[in-house]
Amino acid sequence: MGALDGLSLTHEHGKSRVRVCRVWREGNMHYMAEWSVNVSLVSDVEDAFTKGDNRGIVATDTCKNTVYVVAKQCKERCSAEEYAIKLAQHFLKNYSHVSEVTVAITEKPWVRATVEGQPHKHGYQLAVAKHTVEVSLPRSGPLKLVSGVADLTVAKTTQSGFSDFYQDQYTTLGSVSERMLATSIRSTWTYSRLPSDMTATFEGIKTTLAETLYGPPDKGVFSPSVQATLFHMAKAVLAKYPEVALVHLNMPNIHFLPVKLPFVKFEDDVFVATDEPHGTIQATLRREEVPRSRY
């Protein structure tokens, strides 16, 4: 009898949740797409299961690298559907023992940011921000109102760097003058007096935070660090809204790391999207006259 001994074996293998970001640069107008890609191969590798013979297996790490390489090959802007077809075709073309390929993609809903009513050249935003509110009202004492925004996820494909930071024997991070910047902003602000129009003030502050990060729509503004950008964002809110006593900002890094493979030359146009582990940067900016004990 054979190894299966009258049994039937069906099988597939591949790689899941490969996060890839593709940036296309057309002059100073940048376009980005972020996909989470699952690849599954049906192939003639029964011997790997029954005999421990791995010679026919297309390694799952190869599947992962292929996701990045095919993204690089998409020289012109393409949809998730067009990319998925091209990726599936690649596996069938290059591996004759693969009989079927399934590519499943989930695309993040990045949309181009708008600043001063104009589309930003390289700024993007996820349309999932949440409005938060916390009210404290003691029986004897003033009402305390804290409004905020959570999951205000923003990105810019250029105009960001990080260099000249403290380094020691544990440091492996290198200085960069050009990188993507992305973060999921969680901000709260405390009112010293209630605004006349709560909704308009909330929308205005949310817009001020985002527009300060992006900079002008035609050229943006350089960010030397998340810390510096955070400070300018909080300062802009306090300058524009005198009824706000303090602003707290929490801005974790969402890393888009340039793909580097020894057999393909990338040009900072294909990125590994990852948010774990992430840097945690947070700070509170308050007016001088605001006592720390009150807020």
Protein backbone atom coordinates (compact mmCIF):
# COMPACT_ATOMS: atom_id res chain seq x y z
CA MET A 1 0.00 0.00 0.00
CA GLY A 2 1.07 3.58 -0.58
CA ALA A 3 1.64 6.21 2.08
CA LEU A 4 -2.01 7.30 1.93
CA ASP A 5 -3.26 3.69 2.34
CA GLY A 6 -6.62 4.36 0.72
CA LEU A 7 -6.96 7.86 2.16
CA SER A 8 -7.43 11.10 0.24
CA LEU A 9 -5.29 14.17 0.88
CA THR A 10 -6.05 17.74 -0.18
CA HIS A 11 -3.66 20.53 0.66
CA GLU A 12 -2.55 24.11 -0.01
CA HIS A 13 0.00 26.49 1.44
CA GLY A 14 1.06 30.11 1.13
CA LYS A 15 1.52 33.30 3.11
CA SER A 16 -1.08 35.43 4.89
CA ARG A 17 -1.35 39.03 6.04
CA VAL A 18 1.56 40.30 3.98
CA ARG A 19 1.17 44.04 4.36
CA VAL A 20 2.49 46.03 1.44
CA CYS A 21 2.28 49.71 0.61
CA ARG A 22 2.87 50.85 -2.98
CA VAL A 23 3.66 54.51 -3.70
CA TRP A 24 3.56 55.91 -7.23
CA ARG A 25 5.19 59.31 -7.76
CA GLU A 26 4.00 61.34 -10.73
CA GLY A 27 5.99 64.54 -10.43
CA ASN A 28 5.15 66.04 -7.04
CA MET A 29 1.78 64.26 -6.91
CA HIS A 30 2.04 61.00 -4.95
CA TYR A 31 -0.43 58.11 -4.96
CA MET A 32 -0.47 55.32 -2.40
CA ALA A 33 -2.24 52.05 -1.80
CA GLU A 34 -1.93 49.72 1.19
CA TRP A 35 -2.92 46.08 0.85
CA SER A 36 -2.99 43.09 3.18
CA VAL A 37 -2.30 40.14 0.90
CA ASN A 38 -3.01 36.43 1.37
CA VAL A 39 -1.53 33.96 -1.13
CA SER A 40 -2.51 30.29 -1.28
CA LEU A 41 -1.03 27.73 -3.68
CA VAL A 42 -2.41 24.34 -4.69
CA SER A 43 0.54 22.38 -6.01
CA ASP A 44 1.89 18.90 -6.62
CA VAL A 45 3.77 18.50 -3.34
CA GLU A 46 2.05 15.43 -1.87
CA ASP A 47 5.46 13.90 -1.18
CA ALA A 48 6.18 16.71 1.30
CA PHE A 49 3.31 15.42 3.42
CA THR A 50 3.73 11.70 2.95
CA LYS A 51 7.50 11.33 2.58
CA GLY A 52 8.99 14.49 4.07
CA ASP A 53 10.33 15.43 0.62
CA ASN A 54 10.29 19.25 0.41
CA ARG A 55 11.81 19.65 -3.06
CA GLY A 56 8.59 20.87 -4.67
CA ILE A 57 7.52 23.34 -1.97
CA VAL A 58 7.49 27.01 -2.91
CA ALA A 59 8.50 28.37 0.49
CA THR A 60 6.04 30.70 2.19
CA ASP A 61 8.89 33.20 2.56
CA THR A 62 9.22 33.12 -1.24
CA CYS A 63 5.50 33.89 -1.47
CA LYS A 64 6.00 36.89 0.81
CA ASN A 65 8.92 38.26 -1.19
CA THR A 66 6.97 37.79 -4.40
CA VAL A 67 4.20 40.03 -3.06
CA TYR A 68 6.73 42.86 -2.84
CA VAL A 69 8.44 42.12 -6.16
CA VAL A 70 5.20 42.08 -8.14
CA ALA A 71 4.12 45.31 -6.44
CA LYS A 72 7.39 46.83 -7.66
CA GLN A 73 6.64 45.56 -11.18
CA CYS A 74 3.39 47.55 -11.21
CA LYS A 75 5.04 50.65 -12.70
CA GLU A 76 1.75 52.43 -13.26
CA ARG A 77 -1.05 52.98 -10.78
CA CYS A 78 -3.27 49.93 -10.51
CA SER A 79 -6.26 48.67 -8.58
CA ALA A 80 -6.15 45.89 -5.99
CA GLU A 81 -7.91 43.69 -8.55
CA GLU A 82 -5.30 44.33 -11.23
CA TYR A 83 -2.48 43.68 -8.77
CA ALA A 84 -4.09 40.44 -7.53
CA ILE A 85 -4.42 39.13 -11.10
CA LYS A 86 -0.81 39.99 -11.90
CA LEU A 87 0.36 38.27 -8.70
CA ALA A 88 -1.63 35.10 -9.39
CA GLN A 89 -0.36 35.00 -12.97
CA HIS A 90 3.23 35.29 -11.70
CA PHE A 91 2.93 32.08 -9.66
CA LEU A 92 1.40 30.07 -12.50
CA LYS A 93 4.01 31.34 -14.96
CA ASN A 94 7.00 30.60 -12.75
CA TYR A 95 5.98 27.33 -11.03
CA SER A 96 4.69 24.66 -13.42
CA HIS A 97 3.67 22.30 -10.60
CA VAL A 98 1.28 24.90 -9.13
CA SER A 99 -2.24 24.11 -10.37
CA GLU A 100 -4.20 26.91 -8.69
CA VAL A 101 -3.47 30.21 -6.99
CA THR A 102 -5.77 32.17 -4.72
CA VAL A 103 -4.90 35.78 -3.91
CA ALA A 104 -7.09 37.56 -1.37
CA ILE A 105 -6.55 41.27 -0.69
CA THR A 106 -7.97 43.69 1.83
CA GLU A 107 -7.28 47.32 0.95
CA LYS A 108 -7.08 50.04 3.56
CA PRO A 109 -9.33 53.01 2.70
CA TRP A 110 -6.65 55.69 2.40
CA VAL A 111 -8.06 58.86 0.82
CA ARG A 112 -6.21 61.96 -0.27
CA ALA A 113 -6.16 64.67 2.39
CA THR A 114 -7.64 68.08 1.72
CA VAL A 115 -5.94 71.20 3.05
CA GLU A 116 -7.52 74.64 2.65
CA GLY A 117 -10.01 73.12 0.25
CA GLN A 118 -7.30 71.74 -2.05
CA PRO A 119 -6.13 68.14 -2.51
CA HIS A 120 -2.77 67.58 -0.83
CA LYS A 121 0.09 66.39 -3.03
CA HIS A 122 1.32 63.69 -0.66
CA GLY A 123 -1.02 63.65 2.36
CA TYR A 124 -3.46 60.83 3.06
CA GLN A 125 -6.01 59.99 5.73
CA LEU A 126 -8.13 57.02 6.80
CA ALA A 127 -11.80 57.97 7.13
CA VAL A 128 -12.44 56.22 10.45
CA ALA A 129 -11.82 58.91 13.09
CA LYS A 130 -13.97 58.82 16.22
CA HIS A 131 -15.31 61.71 18.30
CA THR A 132 -14.72 61.28 22.06
CA VAL A 133 -16.18 63.20 25.01
CA GLU A 134 -15.66 63.08 28.78
CA VAL A 135 -17.58 65.24 31.25
CA SER A 136 -16.78 65.54 34.95
CA LEU A 137 -19.35 67.32 37.11
CA PRO A 138 -18.83 67.38 40.89
CA ARG A 139 -21.72 68.31 43.17
CA SER A 140 -19.83 71.40 44.24
CA GLY A 141 -17.43 72.73 41.64
CA PRO A 142 -17.17 73.59 37.96
CA LEU A 143 -17.99 71.28 35.09
CA LYS A 144 -14.97 69.89 33.25
CA LEU A 145 -15.40 69.09 29.55
CA VAL A 146 -12.79 67.14 27.61
CA SER A 147 -13.40 66.53 23.92
CA GLY A 148 -11.18 64.59 21.58
CA VAL A 149 -10.57 62.56 18.49
CA ALA A 150 -9.36 58.97 18.29
CA ASP A 151 -8.09 56.88 15.38
CA LEU A 152 -7.38 59.92 13.22
CA THR A 153 -5.00 57.97 11.01
CA VAL A 154 -2.86 60.09 8.70
CA ALA A 155 0.11 59.56 6.40
CA LYS A 156 2.40 61.52 4.15
CA THR A 157 4.62 59.86 1.59
CA THR A 158 7.47 62.37 1.86
CA GLN A 159 8.63 65.44 3.81
CA SER A 160 9.68 63.50 6.91
CA GLY A 161 13.00 62.44 8.41
CA PHE A 162 14.65 61.43 11.67
CA SER A 163 18.34 62.06 12.33
CA ASP A 164 20.90 63.26 14.89
CA PHE A 165 19.25 61.29 17.71
CA TYR A 166 21.13 59.82 20.68
CA GLN A 167 22.99 56.65 19.76
CA ASP A 168 24.86 54.10 21.83
CA GLN A 169 25.87 50.45 21.62
CA TYR A 170 22.22 49.36 21.58
CA THR A 171 21.22 51.57 18.65
CA THR A 172 20.69 49.95 15.26
CA LEU A 173 18.40 52.57 13.72
CA GLY A 174 20.08 54.72 11.11
CA SER A 175 19.46 58.40 10.40
CA VAL A 176 17.17 59.20 7.46
CA SER A 177 16.36 62.48 5.77
CA GLU A 178 13.52 61.06 3.67
CA ARG A 179 10.84 58.65 4.86
CA MET A 180 7.11 58.09 5.05
CA LEU A 181 5.37 59.38 8.17
CA ALA A 182 2.17 57.79 9.42
CA THR A 183 0.43 57.82 12.76
CA SER A 184 -2.92 57.18 14.37
CA ILE A 185 -3.64 60.36 16.32
CA ARG A 186 -5.44 60.23 19.64
CA SER A 187 -5.95 63.72 21.00
CA THR A 188 -7.95 65.26 23.80
CA TRP A 189 -8.44 68.91 24.64
CA THR A 190 -9.85 70.50 27.78
CA TYR A 191 -12.02 73.60 27.60
CA SER A 192 -11.59 76.53 29.97
CA ARG A 193 -15.00 77.74 28.81
CA LEU A 194 -17.66 76.09 26.68
CA PRO A 195 -17.57 76.99 22.98
CA SER A 196 -20.70 78.45 21.45
CA ASP A 197 -20.82 75.74 18.76
CA MET A 198 -19.52 72.41 20.03
CA THR A 199 -19.72 70.59 16.71
CA ALA A 200 -18.03 73.33 14.68
CA THR A 201 -15.25 73.61 17.27
CA PHE A 202 -14.65 69.85 17.25
CA GLU A 203 -14.48 69.75 13.45
CA GLY A 204 -12.24 72.81 13.40
CA ILE A 205 -9.76 71.39 15.89
CA LYS A 206 -9.65 68.05 14.08
CA THR A 207 -8.94 69.90 10.83
CA THR A 208 -6.26 72.07 12.46
CA LEU A 209 -4.44 69.01 13.79
CA ALA A 210 -4.38 67.30 10.41
CA GLU A 211 -3.57 70.37 8.32
CA THR A 212 -0.67 71.31 10.59
CA LEU A 213 0.81 67.85 10.10
CA TYR A 214 0.38 67.93 6.32
CA GLY A 215 1.47 71.51 5.63
CA PRO A 216 0.44 73.45 2.49
CA PRO A 217 -1.31 71.34 -0.16
CA ASP A 218 1.24 72.04 -2.90
CA LYS A 219 4.47 71.28 -1.05
CA GLY A 220 3.74 70.12 2.51
CA VAL A 221 5.98 70.84 5.49
CA PHE A 222 9.05 68.93 6.65
CA SER A 223 8.81 66.91 9.85
CA PRO A 224 12.18 66.34 11.58
CA SER A 225 10.47 64.05 14.11
CA VAL A 226 7.05 63.05 15.35
CA GLN A 227 7.88 65.04 18.50
CA ALA A 228 8.37 68.30 16.60
CA THR A 229 5.24 67.78 14.51
CA LEU A 230 3.19 66.94 17.61
CA PHE A 231 4.29 70.18 19.30
CA HIS A 232 3.37 72.32 16.30
CA MET A 233 -0.02 70.63 16.05
CA ALA A 234 -0.86 71.29 19.70
CA LYS A 235 0.45 74.85 19.50
CA ALA A 236 -1.71 75.54 16.42
CA VAL A 237 -4.85 74.46 18.29
CA LEU A 238 -4.08 76.68 21.28
CA ALA A 239 -3.36 79.63 19.00
CA LYS A 240 -6.63 79.25 17.10
CA TYR A 241 -9.00 78.30 19.92
CA PRO A 242 -8.66 80.50 23.04
CA GLU A 243 -11.36 78.47 24.81
CA VAL A 244 -9.03 75.44 24.87
CA ALA A 245 -6.90 75.25 28.02
CA LEU A 246 -4.67 72.34 27.06
CA VAL A 247 -4.12 69.80 24.32
CA HIS A 248 -2.89 66.24 24.79
CA LEU A 249 -1.61 64.26 21.80
CA ASN A 250 -0.67 60.60 21.54
CA MET A 251 0.92 59.76 18.17
CA PRO A 252 2.29 56.22 17.80
CA ASN A 253 4.33 55.46 14.73
CA ILE A 254 2.78 53.39 11.97
CA HIS A 255 5.89 52.19 10.23
CA PHE A 256 6.21 51.91 6.47
CA LEU A 257 9.63 50.33 6.05
CA PRO A 258 11.28 50.34 2.59
CA VAL A 259 11.47 46.82 1.17
CA LYS A 260 15.06 45.66 0.66
CA LEU A 261 15.73 42.42 -1.24
CA PRO A 262 19.16 41.53 -2.64
CA PHE A 263 17.82 40.51 -6.06
CA VAL A 264 15.58 43.52 -6.82
CA LYS A 265 16.39 47.23 -6.68
CA PHE A 266 13.65 49.17 -4.92
CA GLU A 267 13.49 52.96 -4.97
CA ASP A 268 11.52 53.68 -1.80
CA ASP A 269 8.37 52.83 -3.72
CA VAL A 270 7.35 49.54 -2.06
CA PHE A 271 7.04 49.39 1.72
CA VAL A 272 6.35 46.87 4.46
CA ALA A 273 3.42 48.23 6.45
CA THR A 274 3.62 47.40 10.15
CA ASP A 275 2.27 48.89 13.35
CA GLU A 276 3.73 46.49 15.93
CA PRO A 277 5.97 47.18 17.69
CA HIS A 278 5.55 50.92 17.40
CA GLY A 279 7.11 54.01 18.89
CA THR A 280 4.96 55.82 21.43
CA ILE A 281 5.14 59.61 21.45
CA GLN A 282 2.79 61.68 23.58
CA ALA A 283 2.81 65.10 25.18
CA THR A 284 0.54 67.72 26.73
CA LEU A 285 0.75 71.41 25.89
CA ARG A 286 -1.08 73.82 28.20
CA ARG A 287 -1.35 77.53 28.61
CA GLU A 288 0.93 78.95 31.30
CA GLU A 289 -1.96 80.24 33.36
CA VAL A 290 -3.59 76.80 33.53
CA PRO A 291 -2.77 75.08 36.84
CA ARG A 292 -1.72 71.46 36.50
CA SER A 293 -3.86 70.45 39.45
CA ARG A 294 -7.05 71.65 37.77
CA TYR A 295 -6.64 69.78 34.52
